[in-house]
Amino acid sequence: MALMLTNLPSLGDSALLVVNIITASTILTETLGAVATRFGLARAGELGQAVDNQERVSK
């Protein structure tokens, strides 16, 4: 949707600025969000729970 702004001549250079901001924020969210989620799961002690449950079922 942000790329559609580049077709509006009334926005001019502002459209390019908006596209760059949206692209940068998406990249940061996708990379830092995954790392933060893993960190949070590790602090909560929830990593490795699926393996433990599967071992209990097979015994």
N, C-alpha and C. Protein backbone atom coordinates (compact mmCIF):
# COMPACT_ATOMS: atom_id res chain seq x y z
N MET A 1 0.83 -1.19 0.00
CA MET A 1 0.00 0.00 0.00
C MET A 1 0.87 1.25 0.00
N ALA A 2 2.02 1.13 0.66
CA ALA A 2 2.89 2.30 0.70
C ALA A 2 3.41 2.64 -0.69
N LEU A 3 3.62 1.64 -1.52
CA LEU A 3 4.10 1.90 -2.88
C LEU A 3 3.07 2.64 -3.72
N MET A 4 1.81 2.52 -3.36
CA MET A 4 0.77 3.24 -4.09
C MET A 4 0.91 4.75 -3.88
N LEU A 5 1.54 5.15 -2.79
CA LEU A 5 1.74 6.58 -2.54
C LEU A 5 2.66 7.21 -3.58
N THR A 6 3.57 6.41 -4.13
CA THR A 6 4.51 6.97 -5.10
C THR A 6 3.82 7.38 -6.40
N ASN A 7 2.61 6.88 -6.63
CA ASN A 7 1.86 7.25 -7.85
C ASN A 7 1.10 8.55 -7.69
N LEU A 8 1.05 9.10 -6.49
CA LEU A 8 0.34 10.36 -6.27
C LEU A 8 1.31 11.52 -6.45
N PRO A 9 1.12 12.30 -7.51
CA PRO A 9 2.06 13.41 -7.76
C PRO A 9 1.99 14.50 -6.70
N SER A 10 0.88 14.60 -5.97
CA SER A 10 0.76 15.67 -4.97
C SER A 10 1.66 15.44 -3.76
N LEU A 11 2.10 14.18 -3.54
CA LEU A 11 2.96 13.90 -2.39
C LEU A 11 4.45 14.11 -2.69
N GLY A 12 4.84 13.88 -3.91
CA GLY A 12 6.22 14.13 -4.31
C GLY A 12 7.23 13.33 -3.52
N ASP A 13 8.18 14.03 -2.90
CA ASP A 13 9.26 13.37 -2.14
C ASP A 13 8.76 12.75 -0.84
N SER A 14 7.64 13.20 -0.34
CA SER A 14 7.12 12.65 0.91
C SER A 14 6.74 11.18 0.77
N ALA A 15 6.28 10.79 -0.40
CA ALA A 15 5.91 9.40 -0.63
C ALA A 15 7.13 8.49 -0.50
N LEU A 16 8.25 8.90 -1.04
CA LEU A 16 9.47 8.11 -0.93
C LEU A 16 9.93 8.00 0.52
N LEU A 17 9.80 9.07 1.26
CA LEU A 17 10.15 9.05 2.68
C LEU A 17 9.27 8.07 3.45
N VAL A 18 7.99 8.06 3.17
CA VAL A 18 7.07 7.15 3.84
C VAL A 18 7.40 5.70 3.50
N VAL A 19 7.70 5.42 2.25
CA VAL A 19 8.06 4.07 1.83
C VAL A 19 9.34 3.62 2.55
N ASN A 20 10.31 4.49 2.66
CA ASN A 20 11.56 4.14 3.34
C ASN A 20 11.34 3.88 4.83
N ILE A 21 10.52 4.67 5.47
CA ILE A 21 10.24 4.49 6.89
C ILE A 21 9.51 3.18 7.13
N ILE A 22 8.53 2.88 6.30
CA ILE A 22 7.78 1.63 6.45
C ILE A 22 8.67 0.42 6.21
N THR A 23 9.53 0.50 5.21
CA THR A 23 10.44 -0.60 4.92
C THR A 23 11.42 -0.82 6.08
N ALA A 24 11.98 0.23 6.61
CA ALA A 24 12.93 0.11 7.72
C ALA A 24 12.26 -0.43 8.97
N SER A 25 11.07 0.04 9.28
CA SER A 25 10.38 -0.45 10.47
C SER A 25 9.97 -1.91 10.32
N THR A 26 9.62 -2.33 9.12
CA THR A 26 9.28 -3.73 8.89
C THR A 26 10.50 -4.62 9.08
N ILE A 27 11.63 -4.21 8.55
CA ILE A 27 12.86 -5.00 8.71
C ILE A 27 13.25 -5.10 10.18
N LEU A 28 13.18 -4.01 10.91
CA LEU A 28 13.51 -4.04 12.34
C LEU A 28 12.55 -4.91 13.13
N THR A 29 11.29 -4.82 12.83
CA THR A 29 10.30 -5.62 13.55
C THR A 29 10.49 -7.11 13.28
N GLU A 30 10.74 -7.46 12.04
CA GLU A 30 10.91 -8.86 11.68
C GLU A 30 12.17 -9.47 12.29
N THR A 31 13.23 -8.71 12.41
CA THR A 31 14.47 -9.26 12.97
C THR A 31 14.48 -9.18 14.49
N LEU A 32 14.21 -8.03 15.04
CA LEU A 32 14.27 -7.88 16.49
C LEU A 32 13.10 -8.57 17.18
N GLY A 33 11.97 -8.67 16.53
CA GLY A 33 10.81 -9.32 17.13
C GLY A 33 11.05 -10.79 17.37
N ALA A 34 11.69 -11.47 16.44
CA ALA A 34 11.99 -12.88 16.61
C ALA A 34 12.99 -13.11 17.73
N VAL A 35 14.00 -12.26 17.80
CA VAL A 35 15.01 -12.39 18.85
C VAL A 35 14.38 -12.11 20.22
N ALA A 36 13.55 -11.10 20.30
CA ALA A 36 12.91 -10.76 21.57
C ALA A 36 11.95 -11.85 22.03
N THR A 37 11.25 -12.47 21.09
CA THR A 37 10.34 -13.56 21.44
C THR A 37 11.11 -14.75 21.99
N ARG A 38 12.21 -15.10 21.35
CA ARG A 38 13.03 -16.22 21.83
C ARG A 38 13.60 -15.90 23.22
N PHE A 39 14.04 -14.69 23.42
CA PHE A 39 14.57 -14.28 24.72
C PHE A 39 13.49 -14.38 25.80
N GLY A 40 12.30 -13.92 25.49
CA GLY A 40 11.20 -13.99 26.44
C GLY A 40 10.81 -15.42 26.77
N LEU A 41 10.78 -16.27 25.77
CA LEU A 41 10.47 -17.68 26.01
C LEU A 41 11.55 -18.36 26.86
N ALA A 42 12.79 -17.98 26.63
CA ALA A 42 13.89 -18.56 27.41
C ALA A 42 13.80 -18.10 28.87
N ARG A 43 13.50 -16.85 29.09
CA ARG A 43 13.37 -16.35 30.47
C ARG A 43 12.20 -16.98 31.19
N ALA A 44 11.16 -17.31 30.45
CA ALA A 44 9.98 -17.92 31.06
C ALA A 44 10.15 -19.41 31.27
N GLY A 45 11.23 -19.98 30.71
CA GLY A 45 11.47 -21.40 30.85
C GLY A 45 10.59 -22.25 29.96
N GLU A 46 10.13 -21.70 28.87
CA GLU A 46 9.21 -22.41 27.99
C GLU A 46 9.90 -23.08 26.81
N LEU A 47 11.18 -22.87 26.62
CA LEU A 47 11.89 -23.51 25.52
C LEU A 47 12.14 -24.97 25.86
N GLY A 48 11.94 -25.84 24.92
CA GLY A 48 12.17 -27.25 25.13
C GLY A 48 11.00 -27.99 25.75
N GLN A 49 9.89 -27.34 25.98
CA GLN A 49 8.74 -27.98 26.60
C GLN A 49 8.12 -29.04 25.70
N ALA A 50 8.09 -28.80 24.40
CA ALA A 50 7.47 -29.76 23.48
C ALA A 50 8.26 -31.06 23.45
N VAL A 51 9.56 -31.00 23.55
CA VAL A 51 10.38 -32.21 23.55
C VAL A 51 10.13 -33.00 24.82
N ASP A 52 10.03 -32.33 25.96
CA ASP A 52 9.78 -33.00 27.23
C ASP A 52 8.42 -33.70 27.22
N ASN A 53 7.41 -33.05 26.69
CA ASN A 53 6.08 -33.66 26.63
C ASN A 53 6.06 -34.87 25.70
N GLN A 54 6.79 -34.81 24.61
CA GLN A 54 6.83 -35.91 23.66
C GLN A 54 7.54 -37.11 24.29
N GLU A 55 8.56 -36.90 25.09
CA GLU A 55 9.26 -38.00 25.76
C GLU A 55 8.37 -38.68 26.78
N ARG A 56 7.53 -37.91 27.47
CA ARG A 56 6.61 -38.49 28.46
C ARG A 56 5.58 -39.38 27.79
N VAL A 57 5.12 -39.00 26.61
CA VAL A 57 4.09 -39.76 25.91
C VAL A 57 4.68 -41.08 25.41
N SER A 58 5.92 -41.06 24.96
CA SER A 58 6.51 -42.27 24.39
C SER A 58 6.93 -43.27 25.46
N LYS A 59 7.04 -42.89 26.72
CA LYS A 59 7.47 -43.82 27.79
C LYS A 59 6.37 -44.70 28.25
